[in-house]
């Protein structure tokens, strides 16, 4: 029973950390966050309580398996329930980031200009791009960006209240919001 409670508390801690990360990395939640965060916590607590009840007298191999499954389910709930006001789902944004990184070689300089509105993402035509593709293009062509302040970051990827004008390449990552900053850092390290 004691190890089941410890695993339950550990899983709850993972859920809370994931909720905090979701808010930091995908901040455009609108008022949906007021409902989604408590709903996520309640759903995950119910799953954890069920896990504690089911696993309290299990042998070690089954115990480990059930808690791995519970951690995966609660992590999936946390991502799935995280609302996005105008952007596609978190899973879709992660997929867009991976796709943009894979298509780095095909990026053209014209991709440095205005990505489509995120709420219109499902209706995109071949000449439109996602904000993630914009970030990858920005990184790829960063040496060609004028540093006189005439080139500004698109409003869909920059931080609130930060001057979007680019005057120094090193300041770009600090002006990006959420997962766009992580995407930029990944490209700095691996591309």
N, C-alpha and C. Protein backbone atom coordinates (compact mmCIF):
# COMPACT_ATOMS: atom_id res chain seq x y z
N UNK A 1 0.82 -1.20 0.00
CA UNK A 1 0.00 0.00 0.00
C UNK A 1 0.86 1.26 0.00
N UNK A 2 1.94 1.24 0.78
CA UNK A 2 2.80 2.41 0.90
C UNK A 2 3.44 2.76 -0.44
N UNK A 3 3.94 1.76 -1.17
CA UNK A 3 4.58 2.05 -2.46
C UNK A 3 3.56 2.54 -3.48
N UNK A 4 2.31 2.08 -3.39
CA UNK A 4 1.26 2.55 -4.29
C UNK A 4 0.97 4.03 -4.05
N UNK A 5 0.92 4.43 -2.79
CA UNK A 5 0.68 5.84 -2.46
C UNK A 5 1.85 6.71 -2.92
N UNK A 6 3.06 6.22 -2.72
CA UNK A 6 4.24 6.96 -3.17
C UNK A 6 4.22 7.13 -4.68
N UNK A 7 3.89 6.06 -5.40
CA UNK A 7 3.79 6.16 -6.87
C UNK A 7 2.67 7.11 -7.27
N UNK A 8 1.57 7.08 -6.54
CA UNK A 8 0.46 7.99 -6.81
C UNK A 8 0.86 9.44 -6.63
N UNK A 9 1.55 9.72 -5.53
CA UNK A 9 2.03 11.10 -5.30
C UNK A 9 3.04 11.53 -6.35
N UNK A 10 3.92 10.61 -6.74
CA UNK A 10 4.89 10.89 -7.80
C UNK A 10 4.21 11.19 -9.12
N UNK A 11 3.18 10.41 -9.43
CA UNK A 11 2.43 10.63 -10.67
C UNK A 11 1.68 11.96 -10.63
N UNK A 12 1.13 12.31 -9.48
CA UNK A 12 0.47 13.60 -9.33
C UNK A 12 1.47 14.74 -9.51
N UNK A 13 2.65 14.59 -8.96
CA UNK A 13 3.70 15.60 -9.14
C UNK A 13 4.06 15.76 -10.62
N UNK A 14 4.18 14.64 -11.32
CA UNK A 14 4.46 14.70 -12.76
C UNK A 14 3.35 15.45 -13.49
N UNK A 15 2.09 15.18 -13.12
CA UNK A 15 0.95 15.87 -13.75
C UNK A 15 1.01 17.38 -13.51
N UNK A 16 1.29 17.77 -12.29
CA UNK A 16 1.36 19.20 -11.97
C UNK A 16 2.51 19.87 -12.72
N UNK A 17 3.66 19.23 -12.78
CA UNK A 17 4.80 19.78 -13.53
C UNK A 17 4.44 19.90 -15.01
N UNK A 18 3.76 18.88 -15.54
CA UNK A 18 3.35 18.95 -16.95
C UNK A 18 2.36 20.08 -17.21
N UNK A 19 1.45 20.31 -16.29
CA UNK A 19 0.49 21.41 -16.45
C UNK A 19 1.25 22.74 -16.49
N UNK A 20 2.21 22.90 -15.60
CA UNK A 20 3.02 24.13 -15.58
C UNK A 20 3.78 24.28 -16.90
N UNK A 21 4.36 23.20 -17.38
CA UNK A 21 5.08 23.24 -18.66
C UNK A 21 4.14 23.58 -19.82
N UNK A 22 2.96 23.01 -19.81
CA UNK A 22 1.99 23.29 -20.88
C UNK A 22 1.63 24.78 -20.90
N UNK A 23 1.43 25.36 -19.73
CA UNK A 23 1.10 26.78 -19.66
C UNK A 23 2.27 27.63 -20.16
N UNK A 24 3.50 27.22 -19.85
CA UNK A 24 4.68 27.97 -20.29
C UNK A 24 4.95 27.80 -21.79
N UNK A 25 4.81 26.58 -22.30
CA UNK A 25 5.16 26.30 -23.69
C UNK A 25 4.04 26.60 -24.67
N UNK A 26 2.80 26.49 -24.24
CA UNK A 26 1.65 26.73 -25.11
C UNK A 26 0.70 27.69 -24.39
N UNK A 27 1.09 28.98 -24.29
CA UNK A 27 0.37 29.92 -23.42
C UNK A 27 -0.96 30.45 -23.95
N UNK A 28 -1.25 30.28 -25.22
CA UNK A 28 -2.45 30.91 -25.78
C UNK A 28 -3.70 30.07 -25.50
N UNK A 29 -4.11 30.05 -24.23
CA UNK A 29 -5.23 29.20 -23.82
C UNK A 29 -6.54 29.95 -23.72
N UNK A 30 -6.51 31.23 -23.64
CA UNK A 30 -7.75 31.98 -23.45
C UNK A 30 -8.35 31.63 -22.09
N UNK A 31 -9.64 31.77 -21.97
CA UNK A 31 -10.32 31.47 -20.72
C UNK A 31 -10.50 29.98 -20.50
N UNK A 32 -10.23 29.18 -21.50
CA UNK A 32 -10.34 27.73 -21.38
C UNK A 32 -9.47 27.15 -20.28
N UNK A 33 -8.41 27.86 -19.96
CA UNK A 33 -7.49 27.40 -18.91
C UNK A 33 -8.20 27.31 -17.55
N UNK A 34 -9.14 28.20 -17.31
CA UNK A 34 -9.85 28.22 -16.04
C UNK A 34 -10.61 26.91 -15.82
N UNK A 35 -11.12 26.34 -16.88
CA UNK A 35 -11.85 25.08 -16.79
C UNK A 35 -10.92 23.88 -16.98
N UNK A 36 -9.99 23.99 -17.92
CA UNK A 36 -9.17 22.84 -18.31
C UNK A 36 -8.22 22.37 -17.21
N UNK A 37 -7.59 23.28 -16.50
CA UNK A 37 -6.62 22.86 -15.48
C UNK A 37 -7.29 22.11 -14.33
N UNK A 38 -8.38 22.63 -13.74
CA UNK A 38 -9.03 21.83 -12.70
C UNK A 38 -9.58 20.49 -13.24
N UNK A 39 -10.13 20.51 -14.46
CA UNK A 39 -10.64 19.28 -15.06
C UNK A 39 -9.51 18.26 -15.23
N UNK A 40 -8.35 18.71 -15.67
CA UNK A 40 -7.20 17.82 -15.84
C UNK A 40 -6.78 17.24 -14.50
N UNK A 41 -6.71 18.08 -13.48
CA UNK A 41 -6.29 17.60 -12.15
C UNK A 41 -7.29 16.59 -11.60
N UNK A 42 -8.57 16.86 -11.74
CA UNK A 42 -9.59 15.93 -11.23
C UNK A 42 -9.53 14.60 -11.98
N UNK A 43 -9.44 14.65 -13.30
CA UNK A 43 -9.37 13.42 -14.10
C UNK A 43 -8.12 12.62 -13.74
N UNK A 44 -6.99 13.30 -13.62
CA UNK A 44 -5.75 12.60 -13.28
C UNK A 44 -5.79 12.05 -11.84
N UNK A 45 -6.38 12.80 -10.93
CA UNK A 45 -6.53 12.29 -9.55
C UNK A 45 -7.40 11.03 -9.51
N UNK A 46 -8.45 11.01 -10.30
CA UNK A 46 -9.31 9.82 -10.35
C UNK A 46 -8.54 8.61 -10.88
N UNK A 47 -7.75 8.82 -11.91
CA UNK A 47 -6.94 7.73 -12.47
C UNK A 47 -5.89 7.27 -11.46
N UNK A 48 -5.26 8.22 -10.79
CA UNK A 48 -4.24 7.88 -9.78
C UNK A 48 -4.89 7.13 -8.61
N UNK A 49 -6.05 7.57 -8.15
CA UNK A 49 -6.73 6.87 -7.05
C UNK A 49 -7.09 5.44 -7.46
N UNK A 50 -7.56 5.28 -8.68
CA UNK A 50 -7.85 3.94 -9.18
C UNK A 50 -6.58 3.09 -9.22
N UNK A 51 -5.48 3.71 -9.64
CA UNK A 51 -4.19 3.01 -9.68
C UNK A 51 -3.73 2.58 -8.29
N UNK A 52 -3.91 3.45 -7.32
CA UNK A 52 -3.54 3.11 -5.93
C UNK A 52 -4.38 1.93 -5.45
N UNK A 53 -5.69 2.00 -5.72
CA UNK A 53 -6.58 0.94 -5.29
C UNK A 53 -6.23 -0.39 -5.96
N UNK A 54 -5.98 -0.37 -7.27
CA UNK A 54 -5.70 -1.61 -8.00
C UNK A 54 -4.32 -2.20 -7.71
N UNK A 55 -3.35 -1.34 -7.45
CA UNK A 55 -1.97 -1.82 -7.35
C UNK A 55 -1.49 -2.09 -5.92
N UNK A 56 -2.30 -1.84 -4.93
CA UNK A 56 -1.83 -1.94 -3.54
C UNK A 56 -1.35 -3.33 -3.16
N UNK A 57 -1.88 -4.39 -3.75
CA UNK A 57 -1.47 -5.75 -3.38
C UNK A 57 -0.84 -6.51 -4.54
N UNK A 58 -0.41 -5.78 -5.56
CA UNK A 58 0.18 -6.43 -6.72
C UNK A 58 1.64 -6.78 -6.47
N UNK A 59 2.09 -7.79 -7.20
CA UNK A 59 3.51 -8.13 -7.19
C UNK A 59 4.25 -7.11 -8.04
N UNK A 60 5.56 -7.02 -7.87
CA UNK A 60 6.37 -5.97 -8.48
C UNK A 60 6.23 -5.85 -10.00
N UNK A 61 6.29 -6.93 -10.80
CA UNK A 61 6.20 -6.73 -12.25
C UNK A 61 4.87 -6.08 -12.69
N UNK A 62 3.75 -6.56 -12.13
CA UNK A 62 2.46 -5.97 -12.49
C UNK A 62 2.35 -4.53 -11.95
N UNK A 63 2.90 -4.32 -10.77
CA UNK A 63 2.89 -3.00 -10.15
C UNK A 63 3.60 -1.98 -11.05
N UNK A 64 4.76 -2.34 -11.53
CA UNK A 64 5.54 -1.44 -12.40
C UNK A 64 4.78 -1.16 -13.70
N UNK A 65 4.23 -2.21 -14.28
CA UNK A 65 3.50 -2.05 -15.55
C UNK A 65 2.29 -1.13 -15.37
N UNK A 66 1.51 -1.35 -14.31
CA UNK A 66 0.31 -0.53 -14.12
C UNK A 66 0.68 0.94 -13.88
N UNK A 67 1.76 1.21 -13.17
CA UNK A 67 2.14 2.60 -12.92
C UNK A 67 2.74 3.26 -14.15
N UNK A 68 3.41 2.51 -14.98
CA UNK A 68 3.89 3.08 -16.26
C UNK A 68 2.68 3.46 -17.11
N UNK A 69 1.69 2.59 -17.19
CA UNK A 69 0.47 2.89 -17.95
C UNK A 69 -0.25 4.11 -17.36
N UNK A 70 -0.35 4.20 -16.06
CA UNK A 70 -1.02 5.33 -15.41
C UNK A 70 -0.27 6.64 -15.70
N UNK A 71 1.04 6.61 -15.64
CA UNK A 71 1.83 7.81 -15.94
C UNK A 71 1.61 8.25 -17.39
N UNK A 72 1.59 7.29 -18.31
CA UNK A 72 1.36 7.62 -19.73
C UNK A 72 -0.04 8.20 -19.93
N UNK A 73 -1.04 7.60 -19.29
CA UNK A 73 -2.42 8.09 -19.42
C UNK A 73 -2.56 9.50 -18.84
N UNK A 74 -2.01 9.74 -17.66
CA UNK A 74 -2.14 11.08 -17.05
C UNK A 74 -1.36 12.13 -17.85
N UNK A 75 -0.21 11.75 -18.38
CA UNK A 75 0.55 12.68 -19.22
C UNK A 75 -0.24 13.01 -20.49
N UNK A 76 -0.83 11.98 -21.08
CA UNK A 76 -1.64 12.18 -22.28
C UNK A 76 -2.85 13.05 -21.98
N UNK A 77 -3.52 12.83 -20.85
CA UNK A 77 -4.64 13.69 -20.44
C UNK A 77 -4.21 15.14 -20.32
N UNK A 78 -3.07 15.35 -19.71
CA UNK A 78 -2.59 16.71 -19.48
C UNK A 78 -2.38 17.43 -20.81
N UNK A 79 -1.81 16.75 -21.78
CA UNK A 79 -1.58 17.36 -23.10
C UNK A 79 -2.90 17.53 -23.85
N UNK A 80 -3.73 16.50 -23.83
CA UNK A 80 -5.00 16.53 -24.57
C UNK A 80 -5.95 17.60 -24.05
N UNK A 81 -6.05 17.75 -22.74
CA UNK A 81 -7.00 18.70 -22.17
C UNK A 81 -6.50 20.14 -22.20
N UNK A 82 -5.23 20.37 -22.55
CA UNK A 82 -4.69 21.74 -22.56
C UNK A 82 -5.30 22.51 -23.72
N UNK A 83 -6.07 23.56 -23.44
CA UNK A 83 -6.77 24.27 -24.52
C UNK A 83 -5.84 25.21 -25.28
N UNK A 84 -6.21 25.49 -26.51
CA UNK A 84 -5.53 26.49 -27.32
C UNK A 84 -6.61 27.36 -27.95
N UNK A 85 -6.57 28.65 -27.66
CA UNK A 85 -7.63 29.54 -28.09
C UNK A 85 -7.74 29.62 -29.62
N UNK A 86 -6.66 29.99 -30.29
CA UNK A 86 -6.69 30.14 -31.74
C UNK A 86 -5.78 29.14 -32.45
N UNK A 87 -4.86 28.57 -31.76
CA UNK A 87 -3.91 27.65 -32.36
C UNK A 87 -4.52 26.25 -32.42
N UNK A 88 -3.94 25.39 -33.26
CA UNK A 88 -4.40 24.01 -33.25
C UNK A 88 -4.01 23.32 -31.93
N UNK A 89 -4.39 22.08 -31.77
CA UNK A 89 -4.09 21.36 -30.53
C UNK A 89 -2.60 21.29 -30.29
N UNK A 90 -2.23 21.01 -29.05
CA UNK A 90 -0.81 20.89 -28.69
C UNK A 90 -0.15 19.79 -29.51
N UNK A 91 -0.84 18.65 -29.68
CA UNK A 91 -0.29 17.56 -30.48
C UNK A 91 -0.01 18.02 -31.91
N UNK A 92 -0.93 18.80 -32.49
CA UNK A 92 -0.76 19.31 -33.86
C UNK A 92 0.42 20.28 -33.93
N UNK A 93 0.56 21.13 -32.92
CA UNK A 93 1.69 22.07 -32.92
C UNK A 93 3.02 21.34 -32.80
N UNK A 94 3.05 20.30 -31.99
CA UNK A 94 4.28 19.49 -31.87
C UNK A 94 4.57 18.83 -33.21
N UNK A 95 3.53 18.29 -33.84
CA UNK A 95 3.69 17.68 -35.17
C UNK A 95 4.17 18.69 -36.20
N UNK A 96 3.62 19.91 -36.16
CA UNK A 96 4.07 20.98 -37.08
C UNK A 96 5.54 21.31 -36.86
N UNK A 97 5.98 21.31 -35.60
CA UNK A 97 7.39 21.60 -35.30
C UNK A 97 8.30 20.51 -35.87
N UNK A 98 7.92 19.26 -35.67
CA UNK A 98 8.72 18.15 -36.20
C UNK A 98 8.76 18.20 -37.72
N UNK A 99 7.61 18.45 -38.33
CA UNK A 99 7.53 18.53 -39.79
C UNK A 99 8.38 19.68 -40.33
N UNK A 100 8.33 20.83 -39.66
CA UNK A 100 9.13 21.99 -40.10
C UNK A 100 10.62 21.70 -40.00
N UNK A 101 11.03 21.02 -38.94
CA UNK A 101 12.45 20.67 -38.79
C UNK A 101 12.87 19.71 -39.91
N UNK A 102 12.02 18.72 -40.20
CA UNK A 102 12.34 17.74 -41.25
C UNK A 102 12.43 18.41 -42.62
N UNK A 103 11.61 19.45 -42.85
CA UNK A 103 11.58 20.12 -44.15
C UNK A 103 12.50 21.34 -44.20
N UNK A 104 13.44 21.42 -43.29
CA UNK A 104 14.36 22.55 -43.20
C UNK A 104 15.07 22.82 -44.53
N UNK A 105 15.48 21.79 -45.20
CA UNK A 105 16.24 21.93 -46.45
C UNK A 105 15.40 22.61 -47.53
N UNK A 106 14.09 22.33 -47.58
CA UNK A 106 13.22 22.89 -48.62
C UNK A 106 12.77 24.32 -48.33
N UNK A 107 13.06 24.84 -47.15
CA UNK A 107 12.60 26.18 -46.78
C UNK A 107 13.19 27.22 -47.74
N UNK A 108 12.32 28.13 -48.16
CA UNK A 108 12.75 29.21 -49.05
C UNK A 108 12.77 30.52 -48.26
N UNK A 109 13.50 31.47 -48.77
CA UNK A 109 13.61 32.75 -48.07
C UNK A 109 12.26 33.45 -47.96
N UNK A 110 11.37 33.19 -48.89
CA UNK A 110 10.04 33.80 -48.83
C UNK A 110 9.27 33.34 -47.58
N UNK A 111 9.71 32.25 -46.96
CA UNK A 111 9.07 31.75 -45.74
C UNK A 111 9.34 32.65 -44.54
N UNK A 112 10.21 33.64 -44.69
CA UNK A 112 10.50 34.57 -43.60
C UNK A 112 9.36 35.55 -43.36
N UNK A 113 8.39 35.54 -44.24
CA UNK A 113 7.34 36.53 -44.14
C UNK A 113 6.03 35.89 -43.72
N UNK A 114 5.26 36.64 -43.01
CA UNK A 114 3.98 36.33 -42.39
C UNK A 114 3.45 34.90 -42.52
N UNK A 115 3.49 34.16 -41.40
CA UNK A 115 2.80 32.86 -41.40
C UNK A 115 1.30 33.08 -41.37
N UNK A 116 0.56 32.05 -41.71
CA UNK A 116 -0.90 32.17 -41.71
C UNK A 116 -1.39 32.33 -40.28
N UNK A 117 -2.58 32.85 -40.15
CA UNK A 117 -3.19 32.95 -38.83
C UNK A 117 -3.40 31.55 -38.29
N UNK A 118 -3.07 31.33 -37.04
CA UNK A 118 -3.11 29.98 -36.49
C UNK A 118 -4.52 29.39 -36.47
N UNK A 119 -5.56 30.23 -36.35
CA UNK A 119 -6.91 29.67 -36.34
C UNK A 119 -7.34 29.22 -37.73
N UNK A 120 -6.61 29.62 -38.77
CA UNK A 120 -6.91 29.26 -40.15
C UNK A 120 -6.03 28.11 -40.63
N UNK A 121 -5.34 27.46 -39.71
CA UNK A 121 -4.30 26.50 -40.05
C UNK A 121 -4.79 25.31 -40.86
N UNK A 122 -6.01 24.87 -40.63
CA UNK A 122 -6.52 23.70 -41.34
C UNK A 122 -6.87 24.02 -42.79
N UNK A 123 -7.01 25.30 -43.11
CA UNK A 123 -7.42 25.69 -44.47
C UNK A 123 -6.23 26.20 -45.28
N UNK A 124 -5.04 25.76 -44.95
CA UNK A 124 -3.89 26.37 -45.62
C UNK A 124 -3.71 25.88 -47.04
N UNK A 125 -3.24 26.77 -47.86
CA UNK A 125 -2.93 26.45 -49.24
C UNK A 125 -1.43 26.20 -49.33
N UNK A 126 -0.96 25.67 -50.47
CA UNK A 126 0.47 25.33 -50.56
C UNK A 126 1.43 26.50 -50.33
N UNK A 127 0.98 27.73 -50.59
CA UNK A 127 1.87 28.88 -50.41
C UNK A 127 1.82 29.44 -48.99
N UNK A 128 0.99 28.88 -48.13
CA UNK A 128 0.90 29.33 -46.74
C UNK A 128 1.80 28.46 -45.87
N UNK A 129 2.09 28.94 -44.69
CA UNK A 129 2.97 28.20 -43.79
C UNK A 129 2.49 28.31 -42.35
N UNK A 130 2.97 27.40 -41.54
CA UNK A 130 2.65 27.42 -40.12
C UNK A 130 3.65 28.32 -39.40
N UNK A 131 3.33 28.77 -38.18
CA UNK A 131 4.30 29.55 -37.42
C UNK A 131 5.59 28.76 -37.17
N UNK A 132 5.49 27.44 -37.04
CA UNK A 132 6.69 26.61 -36.82
C UNK A 132 7.59 26.65 -38.05
N UNK A 133 6.99 26.63 -39.26
CA UNK A 133 7.79 26.74 -40.48
C UNK A 133 8.45 28.12 -40.57
N UNK A 134 7.74 29.13 -40.11
CA UNK A 134 8.28 30.49 -40.06
C UNK A 134 9.52 30.54 -39.18
N UNK A 135 9.47 29.89 -38.00
CA UNK A 135 10.61 29.89 -37.08
C UNK A 135 11.80 29.17 -37.71
N UNK A 136 11.54 28.03 -38.36
CA UNK A 136 12.63 27.28 -39.00
C UNK A 136 13.24 28.12 -40.13
N UNK A 137 12.41 28.79 -40.92
CA UNK A 137 12.93 29.66 -41.99
C UNK A 137 13.71 30.83 -41.39
N UNK A 138 13.20 31.40 -40.32
CA UNK A 138 13.88 32.50 -39.65
C UNK A 138 15.27 32.06 -39.18
N UNK A 139 15.34 30.85 -38.64
CA UNK A 139 16.63 30.33 -38.19
C UNK A 139 17.56 30.06 -39.37
N UNK A 140 17.02 29.47 -40.42
CA UNK A 140 17.83 29.11 -41.59
C UNK A 140 18.41 30.35 -42.27
N UNK A 141 17.61 31.41 -42.37
CA UNK A 141 18.05 32.61 -43.09
C UNK A 141 18.40 33.75 -42.15
N UNK A 142 18.77 33.43 -40.91
CA UNK A 142 19.04 34.48 -39.92
C UNK A 142 20.19 35.39 -40.32
N UNK A 143 21.14 34.88 -41.08
CA UNK A 143 22.28 35.70 -41.51
C UNK A 143 21.86 36.74 -42.55
N UNK A 144 20.73 36.54 -43.19
CA UNK A 144 20.26 37.46 -44.24
C UNK A 144 19.24 38.48 -43.74
N UNK A 145 18.92 38.43 -42.46
CA UNK A 145 17.94 39.35 -41.90
C UNK A 145 18.61 40.71 -41.67
N UNK A 146 17.97 41.80 -42.15
CA UNK A 146 18.55 43.12 -41.87
C UNK A 146 18.49 43.41 -40.37
N UNK A 147 19.59 43.88 -39.82
CA UNK A 147 19.66 44.13 -38.37
C UNK A 147 19.48 45.60 -38.00
N UNK A 148 18.80 46.33 -38.87
CA UNK A 148 18.56 47.75 -38.60
C UNK A 148 17.22 48.01 -37.92
N UNK A 149 16.54 46.94 -37.53
CA UNK A 149 15.25 47.09 -36.86
C UNK A 149 14.07 47.11 -37.82
N UNK A 150 14.34 47.03 -39.13
CA UNK A 150 13.25 47.05 -40.11
C UNK A 150 12.55 45.70 -40.23
N UNK A 151 13.21 44.62 -39.82
CA UNK A 151 12.60 43.29 -39.85
C UNK A 151 12.06 42.99 -38.46
N UNK A 152 10.78 42.68 -38.39
CA UNK A 152 10.16 42.40 -37.10
C UNK A 152 9.61 40.97 -37.08
N UNK A 153 9.60 40.39 -35.88
CA UNK A 153 9.01 39.07 -35.70
C UNK A 153 7.51 39.14 -35.92
N UNK A 154 6.96 38.07 -36.44
CA UNK A 154 5.52 37.99 -36.60
C UNK A 154 4.87 37.98 -35.22
N UNK A 155 3.71 38.61 -35.10
CA UNK A 155 3.05 38.71 -33.79
C UNK A 155 2.58 37.37 -33.23
N UNK A 156 2.50 36.34 -34.06
CA UNK A 156 2.03 35.04 -33.55
C UNK A 156 3.11 34.28 -32.79
N UNK A 157 4.36 34.73 -32.86
CA UNK A 157 5.44 34.00 -32.21
C UNK A 157 6.23 34.80 -31.18
N UNK A 158 5.98 36.11 -31.08
CA UNK A 158 6.78 36.91 -30.15
C UNK A 158 6.08 37.08 -28.81
N UNK A 159 6.87 37.47 -27.81
CA UNK A 159 6.36 37.68 -26.45
C UNK A 159 5.60 38.99 -26.36
N UNK A 160 4.57 39.00 -25.52
CA UNK A 160 3.82 40.22 -25.28
C UNK A 160 4.72 41.28 -24.68
N UNK A 161 4.57 42.51 -25.16
CA UNK A 161 5.28 43.63 -24.57
C UNK A 161 6.76 43.71 -24.92
N UNK A 162 7.24 42.85 -25.81
CA UNK A 162 8.64 42.87 -26.22
C UNK A 162 8.72 43.47 -27.61
N UNK A 163 9.67 44.36 -27.81
CA UNK A 163 9.86 44.98 -29.12
C UNK A 163 10.18 43.89 -30.14
N UNK A 164 9.33 43.71 -31.16
CA UNK A 164 9.55 42.63 -32.12
C UNK A 164 10.63 42.91 -33.16
N UNK A 165 11.16 44.13 -33.19
CA UNK A 165 12.20 44.47 -34.17
C UNK A 165 13.49 43.72 -33.85
N UNK A 166 14.11 43.20 -34.91
CA UNK A 166 15.35 42.44 -34.72
C UNK A 166 16.54 43.35 -35.05
N UNK A 167 17.39 43.52 -34.06
CA UNK A 167 18.60 44.32 -34.23
C UNK A 167 19.86 43.50 -33.99
N UNK A 168 19.67 42.28 -33.48
CA UNK A 168 20.78 41.41 -33.16
C UNK A 168 20.26 39.96 -33.23
N UNK A 169 20.98 39.10 -33.92
CA UNK A 169 20.54 37.70 -34.08
C UNK A 169 20.41 37.00 -32.74
N UNK A 170 21.30 37.29 -31.80
CA UNK A 170 21.28 36.61 -30.50
C UNK A 170 20.03 36.93 -29.68
N UNK A 171 19.37 38.04 -29.97
CA UNK A 171 18.20 38.41 -29.18
C UNK A 171 16.91 37.72 -29.66
N UNK A 172 16.95 37.03 -30.78
CA UNK A 172 15.73 36.43 -31.34
C UNK A 172 15.11 35.43 -30.38
N UNK A 173 15.91 34.50 -29.86
CA UNK A 173 15.33 33.45 -29.01
C UNK A 173 14.65 34.04 -27.77
N UNK A 174 15.18 35.12 -27.24
CA UNK A 174 14.59 35.75 -26.07
C UNK A 174 13.27 36.46 -26.37
N UNK A 175 13.01 36.73 -27.65
CA UNK A 175 11.77 37.40 -28.04
C UNK A 175 10.68 36.41 -28.42
N UNK A 176 11.03 35.14 -28.55
CA UNK A 176 10.05 34.13 -28.94
C UNK A 176 9.28 33.63 -27.72
N UNK A 177 8.06 33.21 -27.93
CA UNK A 177 7.21 32.75 -26.84
C UNK A 177 7.05 31.23 -26.89
N UNK A 178 6.98 30.64 -25.71
CA UNK A 178 6.64 29.23 -25.57
C UNK A 178 7.49 28.25 -26.34
N UNK A 179 6.80 27.34 -27.03
CA UNK A 179 7.52 26.28 -27.72
C UNK A 179 8.32 26.79 -28.91
N UNK A 180 8.03 28.01 -29.38
CA UNK A 180 8.84 28.58 -30.47
C UNK A 180 10.27 28.84 -30.00
N UNK A 181 10.43 29.24 -28.75
CA UNK A 181 11.77 29.44 -28.18
C UNK A 181 12.51 28.11 -28.08
N UNK A 182 11.80 27.05 -27.68
CA UNK A 182 12.41 25.71 -27.60
C UNK A 182 12.81 25.25 -28.99
N UNK A 183 11.94 25.49 -29.98
CA UNK A 183 12.25 25.13 -31.37
C UNK A 183 13.50 25.85 -31.84
N UNK A 184 13.62 27.13 -31.53
CA UNK A 184 14.80 27.92 -31.93
C UNK A 184 16.06 27.35 -31.27
N UNK A 185 16.00 27.05 -29.97
CA UNK A 185 17.15 26.49 -29.26
C UNK A 185 17.55 25.14 -29.84
N UNK A 186 16.56 24.30 -30.18
CA UNK A 186 16.84 23.01 -30.80
C UNK A 186 17.59 23.22 -32.12
N UNK A 187 17.13 24.16 -32.93
CA UNK A 187 17.79 24.42 -34.21
C UNK A 187 19.22 24.96 -33.99
N UNK A 188 19.40 25.79 -32.96
CA UNK A 188 20.75 26.28 -32.64
C UNK A 188 21.70 25.14 -32.32
N UNK A 189 21.21 24.16 -31.60
CA UNK A 189 22.06 23.06 -31.17
C UNK A 189 22.30 22.04 -32.28
N UNK A 190 21.24 21.67 -33.01
CA UNK A 190 21.34 20.54 -33.93
C UNK A 190 21.36 20.87 -35.40
N UNK A 191 21.17 22.10 -35.79
CA UNK A 191 21.16 22.41 -37.24
C UNK A 191 22.25 23.38 -37.59
